[in-house]
Amino acid sequence: MNTHPLLCAVAFAASLAGASTAQAANGWQMVASGCTPAPASAKLLTVSTKTGAVSFKDGKTGTAALICPINYEFTGTNVLDQLEVQALDATANGSVRATLVRKSKTTGSIETLANVVSVDATGVQNTLIGFTPASINFFTHAAYVVLQLSRTDPAADVQAHMVHLSRFIP
């Protein structure tokens, strides 16, 4: 009986499982369509089933917010130190802002840890900012990201695609 192909298949499957776990431990991400719109914002927004992006409905302007809860397997030492937003923002008449917030489990107090704003550029762009990793401790705080879409011109194409928390690896 030739067991070599079976051993290779088992080793390959194990390596995939290990890579998946390691990747998950290195960060968190959320497609914008997975976030929950604030009640007043829902009437302004639409979701692309093709890209998962959230954008303004035709003719709508203003500011809309999405709440993205962070579900992260915390082991006691936080290594996440970068907040990144992926957005389409080709005009000065709109923007996408990602705000990292923590909320105390004991007092309920809220604190902003980092903000990053999309850049006015053609195409989907990633913009990131660093923050102090010790500021997130999931034993004492919950954390979430607020994605805020703004536009003043109804023709401006402003789309929130994704938000990421990751770590800088030199």
Protein backbone atom coordinates (compact mmCIF):
# COMPACT_ATOMS: atom_id res chain seq x y z
CA MET A 1 0.00 0.00 0.00
CA ASN A 2 1.37 3.40 -1.00
CA THR A 3 0.74 5.86 1.87
CA HIS A 4 2.82 8.70 0.43
CA PRO A 5 -0.11 10.53 -1.28
CA LEU A 6 -2.22 10.21 1.87
CA LEU A 7 0.58 11.59 4.08
CA CYS A 8 1.12 14.48 1.67
CA ALA A 9 -2.60 15.30 1.71
CA VAL A 10 -2.72 15.26 5.53
CA ALA A 11 0.42 17.42 5.78
CA PHE A 12 -1.00 19.89 3.25
CA ALA A 13 -4.32 20.15 5.10
CA ALA A 14 -2.50 20.67 8.41
CA SER A 15 -0.36 23.43 6.91
CA LEU A 16 -3.46 25.21 5.62
CA ALA A 17 -5.12 25.01 9.02
CA GLY A 18 -2.00 26.37 10.71
CA ALA A 19 -1.64 29.21 8.22
CA SER A 20 -5.28 30.17 8.68
CA THR A 21 -4.93 30.32 12.46
CA ALA A 22 -1.69 32.31 12.30
CA GLN A 23 -3.22 34.78 9.88
CA ALA A 24 -6.26 35.25 12.11
CA ALA A 25 -4.02 35.95 15.11
CA ASN A 26 -2.26 38.74 13.20
CA GLY A 27 -5.24 40.97 12.56
CA TRP A 28 -8.90 41.71 12.11
CA GLN A 29 -10.84 42.87 9.08
CA MET A 30 -14.41 43.72 8.18
CA VAL A 31 -15.99 44.35 4.80
CA ALA A 32 -18.07 47.53 5.08
CA SER A 33 -21.28 45.69 4.21
CA GLY A 34 -20.78 43.59 7.38
CA CYS A 35 -21.01 46.67 9.59
CA THR A 36 -24.31 47.95 11.02
CA PRO A 37 -25.58 51.35 9.89
CA ALA A 38 -26.64 53.81 12.57
CA PRO A 39 -30.46 54.12 12.41
CA ALA A 40 -30.48 57.58 10.80
CA SER A 41 -27.81 56.49 8.30
CA ALA A 42 -29.62 53.50 6.79
CA LYS A 43 -31.85 55.70 4.60
CA LEU A 44 -28.77 57.33 3.01
CA LEU A 45 -26.79 54.20 2.15
CA THR A 46 -26.77 51.33 -0.31
CA VAL A 47 -24.68 48.15 -0.46
CA SER A 48 -22.99 46.68 -3.52
CA THR A 49 -23.60 42.94 -3.70
CA LYS A 50 -20.70 42.73 -6.16
CA THR A 51 -17.96 44.39 -4.04
CA GLY A 52 -19.38 44.53 -0.51
CA ALA A 53 -18.82 48.30 -0.55
CA VAL A 54 -21.20 50.75 1.09
CA SER A 55 -21.96 54.04 -0.65
CA PHE A 56 -24.55 56.79 -0.76
CA LYS A 57 -27.84 56.22 -2.55
CA ASP A 58 -28.28 58.25 -5.73
CA GLY A 59 -28.85 61.93 -4.96
CA LYS A 60 -28.19 61.60 -1.22
CA THR A 61 -25.64 63.75 0.65
CA GLY A 62 -24.65 64.24 4.26
CA THR A 63 -22.89 62.06 6.80
CA ALA A 64 -23.63 58.41 7.51
CA ALA A 65 -22.10 56.08 10.09
CA LEU A 66 -21.53 52.32 10.23
CA ILE A 67 -20.56 50.48 13.42
CA CYS A 68 -18.10 47.61 12.94
CA PRO A 69 -17.72 45.43 16.06
CA ILE A 70 -14.25 43.96 16.52
CA ASN A 71 -14.30 40.23 17.14
CA TYR A 72 -10.68 39.36 17.84
CA GLU A 73 -9.18 36.36 19.61
CA PHE A 74 -7.27 38.14 22.38
CA THR A 75 -4.58 36.14 24.16
CA GLY A 76 -3.42 38.79 26.63
CA THR A 77 -0.82 40.65 24.59
CA ASN A 78 -2.04 42.92 21.84
CA VAL A 79 0.14 43.22 18.76
CA LEU A 80 -2.30 45.20 16.61
CA ASP A 81 -0.97 48.70 15.99
CA GLN A 82 -2.33 49.85 12.62
CA LEU A 83 -5.79 51.01 11.57
CA GLU A 84 -6.44 50.93 7.83
CA VAL A 85 -9.43 51.95 5.75
CA GLN A 86 -10.02 50.83 2.16
CA ALA A 87 -12.18 53.31 0.29
CA LEU A 88 -12.99 54.95 -3.01
CA ASP A 89 -12.79 58.73 -2.65
CA ALA A 90 -11.82 60.47 -5.88
CA THR A 91 -13.02 63.92 -4.90
CA ALA A 92 -12.63 66.62 -2.26
CA ASN A 93 -16.45 66.60 -1.95
CA GLY A 94 -16.48 63.46 0.18
CA SER A 95 -14.50 61.22 2.50
CA VAL A 96 -14.48 57.99 4.46
CA ARG A 97 -13.19 58.11 8.04
CA ALA A 98 -12.43 55.09 10.22
CA THR A 99 -12.35 55.73 13.97
CA LEU A 100 -11.10 53.07 16.38
CA VAL A 101 -12.97 53.29 19.68
CA ARG A 102 -12.65 51.39 22.94
CA LYS A 103 -15.31 51.12 25.63
CA SER A 104 -14.55 50.26 29.25
CA LYS A 105 -16.28 47.10 30.47
CA THR A 106 -16.47 48.50 34.02
CA THR A 107 -17.37 52.19 33.58
CA GLY A 108 -18.76 52.31 30.04
CA SER A 109 -16.50 55.25 29.20
CA ILE A 110 -15.58 55.65 25.54
CA GLU A 111 -12.20 56.69 24.17
CA THR A 112 -11.02 57.28 20.61
CA LEU A 113 -7.73 55.50 19.91
CA ALA A 114 -7.07 56.33 16.24
CA ASN A 115 -8.58 58.01 13.17
CA VAL A 116 -7.73 57.54 9.52
CA VAL A 117 -9.33 59.37 6.58
CA SER A 118 -9.45 58.33 2.94
CA VAL A 119 -7.34 60.17 0.39
CA ASP A 120 -8.68 61.98 -2.65
CA ALA A 121 -7.33 59.70 -5.37
CA THR A 122 -8.56 57.70 -8.33
CA GLY A 123 -9.55 54.10 -7.64
CA VAL A 124 -9.84 52.14 -4.43
CA GLN A 125 -7.09 53.20 -2.00
CA ASN A 126 -5.81 51.92 1.36
CA THR A 127 -4.91 54.53 3.97
CA LEU A 128 -3.46 53.61 7.36
CA ILE A 129 -2.30 55.10 10.65
CA GLY A 130 -0.44 53.59 13.60
CA PHE A 131 -1.56 53.60 17.23
CA THR A 132 -0.23 52.34 20.57
CA PRO A 133 -0.96 48.60 20.76
CA ALA A 134 -1.24 48.58 24.56
CA SER A 135 -4.33 50.81 24.26
CA ILE A 136 -6.40 47.79 23.21
CA ASN A 137 -6.88 45.27 25.99
CA PHE A 138 -9.90 43.08 25.33
CA PHE A 139 -9.90 41.88 28.95
CA THR A 140 -10.83 45.39 30.15
CA HIS A 141 -12.39 46.99 27.06
CA ALA A 142 -14.56 46.22 24.08
CA ALA A 143 -13.55 47.81 20.78
CA TYR A 144 -15.26 48.81 17.57
CA VAL A 145 -14.64 50.89 14.47
CA VAL A 146 -16.96 53.64 13.27
CA LEU A 147 -16.89 54.07 9.49
CA GLN A 148 -18.17 57.53 8.61
CA LEU A 149 -19.03 58.36 5.00
CA SER A 150 -19.49 62.03 4.08
CA ARG A 151 -20.28 63.82 0.86
CA THR A 152 -21.49 67.30 -0.05
CA ASP A 153 -21.95 66.73 -3.80
CA PRO A 154 -24.57 64.15 -4.86
CA ALA A 155 -22.38 63.25 -7.87
CA ALA A 156 -19.29 62.46 -5.74
CA ASP A 157 -18.46 58.74 -5.71
CA VAL A 158 -17.62 57.88 -2.09
CA GLN A 159 -17.46 54.21 -1.10
CA ALA A 160 -16.33 52.42 2.07
CA HIS A 161 -14.90 49.01 1.16
CA MET A 162 -13.10 47.55 4.20
CA VAL A 163 -11.51 48.34 7.52
CA HIS A 164 -8.49 46.47 8.95
CA LEU A 165 -6.56 46.24 12.19
CA SER A 166 -3.13 44.79 11.68
CA ARG A 167 0.37 44.90 13.05
CA PHE A 168 3.48 46.47 11.64
CA ILE A 169 6.00 43.76 10.91
CA PRO A 170 9.44 45.32 10.26
